[in-house]
Amino acid sequence: MASRRMSRIVKMGICSALKCLKESGVEVPDAIITGTGFGCIEDTEKFLGSIIQNEEKMLNPTPFIQSTHNTVGAAIALKIKCNNYNNTYVHRGFSFEHALLDGLMLLNEDKAKMF
């Protein structure tokens, strides 16, 4: 996906992930786990607005594709070519805790390594 088509939140997610990977010395992680309260809500609003404005005709698919909650995790995986475990938690105020718990469970089950 070209960066010009990415929403601000997706760009921020990719930049944050790349910085973390660089600082840790990891090229491809064993897992990508993200948590979000509302997902890419701006893209969802943009897509729903275009449905109304264009009377459900000639819709641009990009806002729909980027409106899903797992867009950030998927974009990170595509950018670094990671085919490992990838999961997104969407539990509003509990997203961070659930994502963190998932990471801990992966480590405890020896399905991921801590670097």
C-alpha atoms as a PDB file:
ATOM      1  CA  MET A   1       0.000   0.000   0.000  1.00  0.00           C
ATOM      2  CA  ALA A   2       1.458   3.368  -1.006  1.00  0.00           C
ATOM      3  CA  SER A   3       2.004   5.760   1.891  1.00  0.00           C
ATOM      4  CA  ARG A   4       0.012   8.462   0.114  1.00  0.00           C
ATOM      5  CA  ARG A   5      -3.078   6.243   0.460  1.00  0.00           C
ATOM      6  CA  MET A   6      -2.533   5.454   4.136  1.00  0.00           C
ATOM      7  CA  SER A   7      -4.438   7.281   6.810  1.00  0.00           C
ATOM      8  CA  ARG A   8      -2.582   9.121   9.539  1.00  0.00           C
ATOM      9  CA  ILE A   9      -3.180   6.396  12.145  1.00  0.00           C
ATOM     10  CA  VAL A  10      -1.833   3.664   9.840  1.00  0.00           C
ATOM     11  CA  LYS A  11       1.300   5.719   9.113  1.00  0.00           C
ATOM     12  CA  MET A  12       1.803   6.296  12.841  1.00  0.00           C
ATOM     13  CA  GLY A  13       1.401   2.575  13.557  1.00  0.00           C
ATOM     14  CA  ILE A  14       3.926   1.567  10.911  1.00  0.00           C
ATOM     15  CA  CYS A  15       6.454   4.197  12.006  1.00  0.00           C
ATOM     16  CA  SER A  16       6.106   3.142  15.647  1.00  0.00           C
ATOM     17  CA  ALA A  17       6.521  -0.540  14.785  1.00  0.00           C
ATOM     18  CA  LEU A  18       9.563   0.089  12.585  1.00  0.00           C
ATOM     19  CA  LYS A  19      11.187   2.179  15.311  1.00  0.00           C
ATOM     20  CA  CYS A  20      10.559  -0.544  17.924  1.00  0.00           C
ATOM     21  CA  LEU A  21      11.949  -3.248  15.648  1.00  0.00           C
ATOM     22  CA  LYS A  22      15.039  -1.183  14.839  1.00  0.00           C
ATOM     23  CA  GLU A  23      15.756  -0.418  18.503  1.00  0.00           C
ATOM     24  CA  SER A  24      15.301  -4.076  19.480  1.00  0.00           C
ATOM     25  CA  GLY A  25      17.402  -5.419  16.621  1.00  0.00           C
ATOM     26  CA  VAL A  26      14.545  -7.650  15.440  1.00  0.00           C
ATOM     27  CA  GLU A  27      13.893  -7.885  11.702  1.00  0.00           C
ATOM     28  CA  VAL A  28      10.714  -9.994  11.726  1.00  0.00           C
ATOM     29  CA  PRO A  29       8.849 -10.500  15.018  1.00  0.00           C
ATOM     30  CA  ASP A  30       7.200 -13.755  16.067  1.00  0.00           C
ATOM     31  CA  ALA A  31       3.905 -11.897  16.450  1.00  0.00           C
ATOM     32  CA  ILE A  32       2.185  -8.615  15.678  1.00  0.00           C
ATOM     33  CA  ILE A  33      -0.425  -7.824  18.314  1.00  0.00           C
ATOM     34  CA  THR A  34      -2.325  -4.553  18.228  1.00  0.00           C
ATOM     35  CA  GLY A  35      -5.069  -3.082  20.368  1.00  0.00           C
ATOM     36  CA  THR A  36      -7.469  -0.323  19.405  1.00  0.00           C
ATOM     37  CA  GLY A  37     -10.438   1.308  21.044  1.00  0.00           C
ATOM     38  CA  PHE A  38     -12.180   2.393  17.860  1.00  0.00           C
ATOM     39  CA  GLY A  39     -10.049   1.212  14.941  1.00  0.00           C
ATOM     40  CA  CYS A  40      -9.512   3.576  12.033  1.00  0.00           C
ATOM     41  CA  ILE A  41     -12.607   5.635  12.762  1.00  0.00           C
ATOM     42  CA  GLU A  42     -11.693   8.472  10.363  1.00  0.00           C
ATOM     43  CA  ASP A  43     -11.615   6.033   7.458  1.00  0.00           C
ATOM     44  CA  THR A  44     -14.898   4.498   8.585  1.00  0.00           C
ATOM     45  CA  GLU A  45     -16.498   7.956   8.655  1.00  0.00           C
ATOM     46  CA  LYS A  46     -15.038   8.760   5.240  1.00  0.00           C
ATOM     47  CA  PHE A  47     -16.390   5.536   3.745  1.00  0.00           C
ATOM     48  CA  LEU A  48     -19.868   5.921   5.257  1.00  0.00           C
ATOM     49  CA  GLY A  49     -19.959   9.553   4.123  1.00  0.00           C
ATOM     50  CA  SER A  50     -19.101   8.538   0.558  1.00  0.00           C
ATOM     51  CA  ILE A  51     -21.898   5.939   0.580  1.00  0.00           C
ATOM     52  CA  ILE A  52     -24.420   8.649   1.412  1.00  0.00           C
ATOM     53  CA  GLN A  53     -22.899  11.307  -0.840  1.00  0.00           C
ATOM     54  CA  ASN A  54     -22.573   9.023  -3.889  1.00  0.00           C
ATOM     55  CA  GLU A  55     -25.868   7.218  -3.291  1.00  0.00           C
ATOM     56  CA  GLU A  56     -24.043   3.872  -3.037  1.00  0.00           C
ATOM     57  CA  LYS A  57     -22.543   4.207  -6.547  1.00  0.00           C
ATOM     58  CA  MET A  58     -18.947   4.513  -7.745  1.00  0.00           C
ATOM     59  CA  LEU A  59     -17.443   4.098  -4.287  1.00  0.00           C
ATOM     60  CA  ASN A  60     -13.709   4.335  -3.712  1.00  0.00           C
ATOM     61  CA  PRO A  61     -12.681   1.028  -2.063  1.00  0.00           C
ATOM     62  CA  THR A  62      -9.659   2.474  -0.224  1.00  0.00           C
ATOM     63  CA  PRO A  63     -11.564   4.021   2.714  1.00  0.00           C
ATOM     64  CA  PHE A  64     -13.459   0.742   3.192  1.00  0.00           C
ATOM     65  CA  ILE A  65     -10.289  -1.350   3.160  1.00  0.00           C
ATOM     66  CA  GLN A  66      -8.646   1.013   5.641  1.00  0.00           C
ATOM     67  CA  SER A  67     -11.719   1.214   7.885  1.00  0.00           C
ATOM     68  CA  THR A  68     -11.328  -2.280   9.322  1.00  0.00           C
ATOM     69  CA  HIS A  69      -9.951  -2.609  12.836  1.00  0.00           C
ATOM     70  CA  ASN A  70      -6.987  -4.745  11.828  1.00  0.00           C
ATOM     71  CA  THR A  71      -5.650  -2.306   9.209  1.00  0.00           C
ATOM     72  CA  VAL A  72      -2.685  -1.190  11.330  1.00  0.00           C
ATOM     73  CA  GLY A  73      -1.529  -4.727  12.147  1.00  0.00           C
ATOM     74  CA  ALA A  74      -1.985  -5.813   8.534  1.00  0.00           C
ATOM     75  CA  ALA A  75      -0.072  -2.799   7.202  1.00  0.00           C
ATOM     76  CA  ILE A  76       2.819  -3.510   9.586  1.00  0.00           C
ATOM     77  CA  ALA A  77       2.904  -7.162   8.488  1.00  0.00           C
ATOM     78  CA  LEU A  78       2.897  -6.208   4.814  1.00  0.00           C
ATOM     79  CA  LYS A  79       5.620  -3.610   5.295  1.00  0.00           C
ATOM     80  CA  ILE A  80       8.034  -5.991   7.049  1.00  0.00           C
ATOM     81  CA  LYS A  81       6.867  -9.134   5.198  1.00  0.00           C
ATOM     82  CA  CYS A  82       5.815 -10.894   8.395  1.00  0.00           C
ATOM     83  CA  ASN A  83       3.664 -14.012   7.985  1.00  0.00           C
ATOM     84  CA  ASN A  84       3.655 -14.871  11.680  1.00  0.00           C
ATOM     85  CA  TYR A  85       0.856 -14.568  14.256  1.00  0.00           C
ATOM     86  CA  ASN A  86      -1.127 -11.344  13.786  1.00  0.00           C
ATOM     87  CA  ASN A  87      -4.095 -10.358  15.949  1.00  0.00           C
ATOM     88  CA  THR A  88      -5.942  -7.138  16.743  1.00  0.00           C
ATOM     89  CA  TYR A  89      -7.989  -6.544  19.895  1.00  0.00           C
ATOM     90  CA  VAL A  90     -10.926  -4.157  19.731  1.00  0.00           C
ATOM     91  CA  HIS A  91     -12.330  -3.853  23.231  1.00  0.00           C
ATOM     92  CA  ARG A  92     -12.506  -0.088  23.656  1.00  0.00           C
ATOM     93  CA  GLY A  93     -11.047   0.590  27.100  1.00  0.00           C
ATOM     94  CA  PHE A  94      -9.568  -2.900  27.484  1.00  0.00           C
ATOM     95  CA  SER A  95      -7.769  -3.277  24.146  1.00  0.00           C
ATOM     96  CA  PHE A  96      -4.304  -2.644  25.555  1.00  0.00           C
ATOM     97  CA  GLU A  97      -4.760  -5.116  28.388  1.00  0.00           C
ATOM     98  CA  HIS A  98      -6.059  -7.843  26.068  1.00  0.00           C
ATOM     99  CA  ALA A  99      -3.228  -7.313  23.572  1.00  0.00           C
ATOM    100  CA  LEU A 100      -0.673  -7.435  26.391  1.00  0.00           C
ATOM    101  CA  LEU A 101      -2.247 -10.597  27.819  1.00  0.00           C
ATOM    102  CA  ASP A 102      -2.146 -12.238  24.384  1.00  0.00           C
ATOM    103  CA  GLY A 103       1.570 -11.456  24.109  1.00  0.00           C
ATOM    104  CA  LEU A 104       2.222 -12.894  27.554  1.00  0.00           C
ATOM    105  CA  MET A 105       0.299 -16.068  26.705  1.00  0.00           C
ATOM    106  CA  LEU A 106       2.324 -16.513  23.506  1.00  0.00           C
ATOM    107  CA  LEU A 107       5.539 -16.185  25.506  1.00  0.00           C
ATOM    108  CA  ASN A 108       4.321 -18.631  28.179  1.00  0.00           C
ATOM    109  CA  GLU A 109       3.317 -21.178  25.531  1.00  0.00           C
ATOM    110  CA  ASP A 110       6.750 -20.847  23.860  1.00  0.00           C
ATOM    111  CA  LYS A 111       5.083 -19.755  20.617  1.00  0.00           C
ATOM    112  CA  ALA A 112       7.110 -16.537  20.620  1.00  0.00           C
ATOM    113  CA  LYS A 113      10.556 -15.526  21.827  1.00  0.00           C
ATOM    114  CA  MET A 114      11.392 -12.520  23.956  1.00  0.00           C
ATOM    115  CA  PHE A 115      14.401 -10.646  22.596  1.00  0.00           C
END
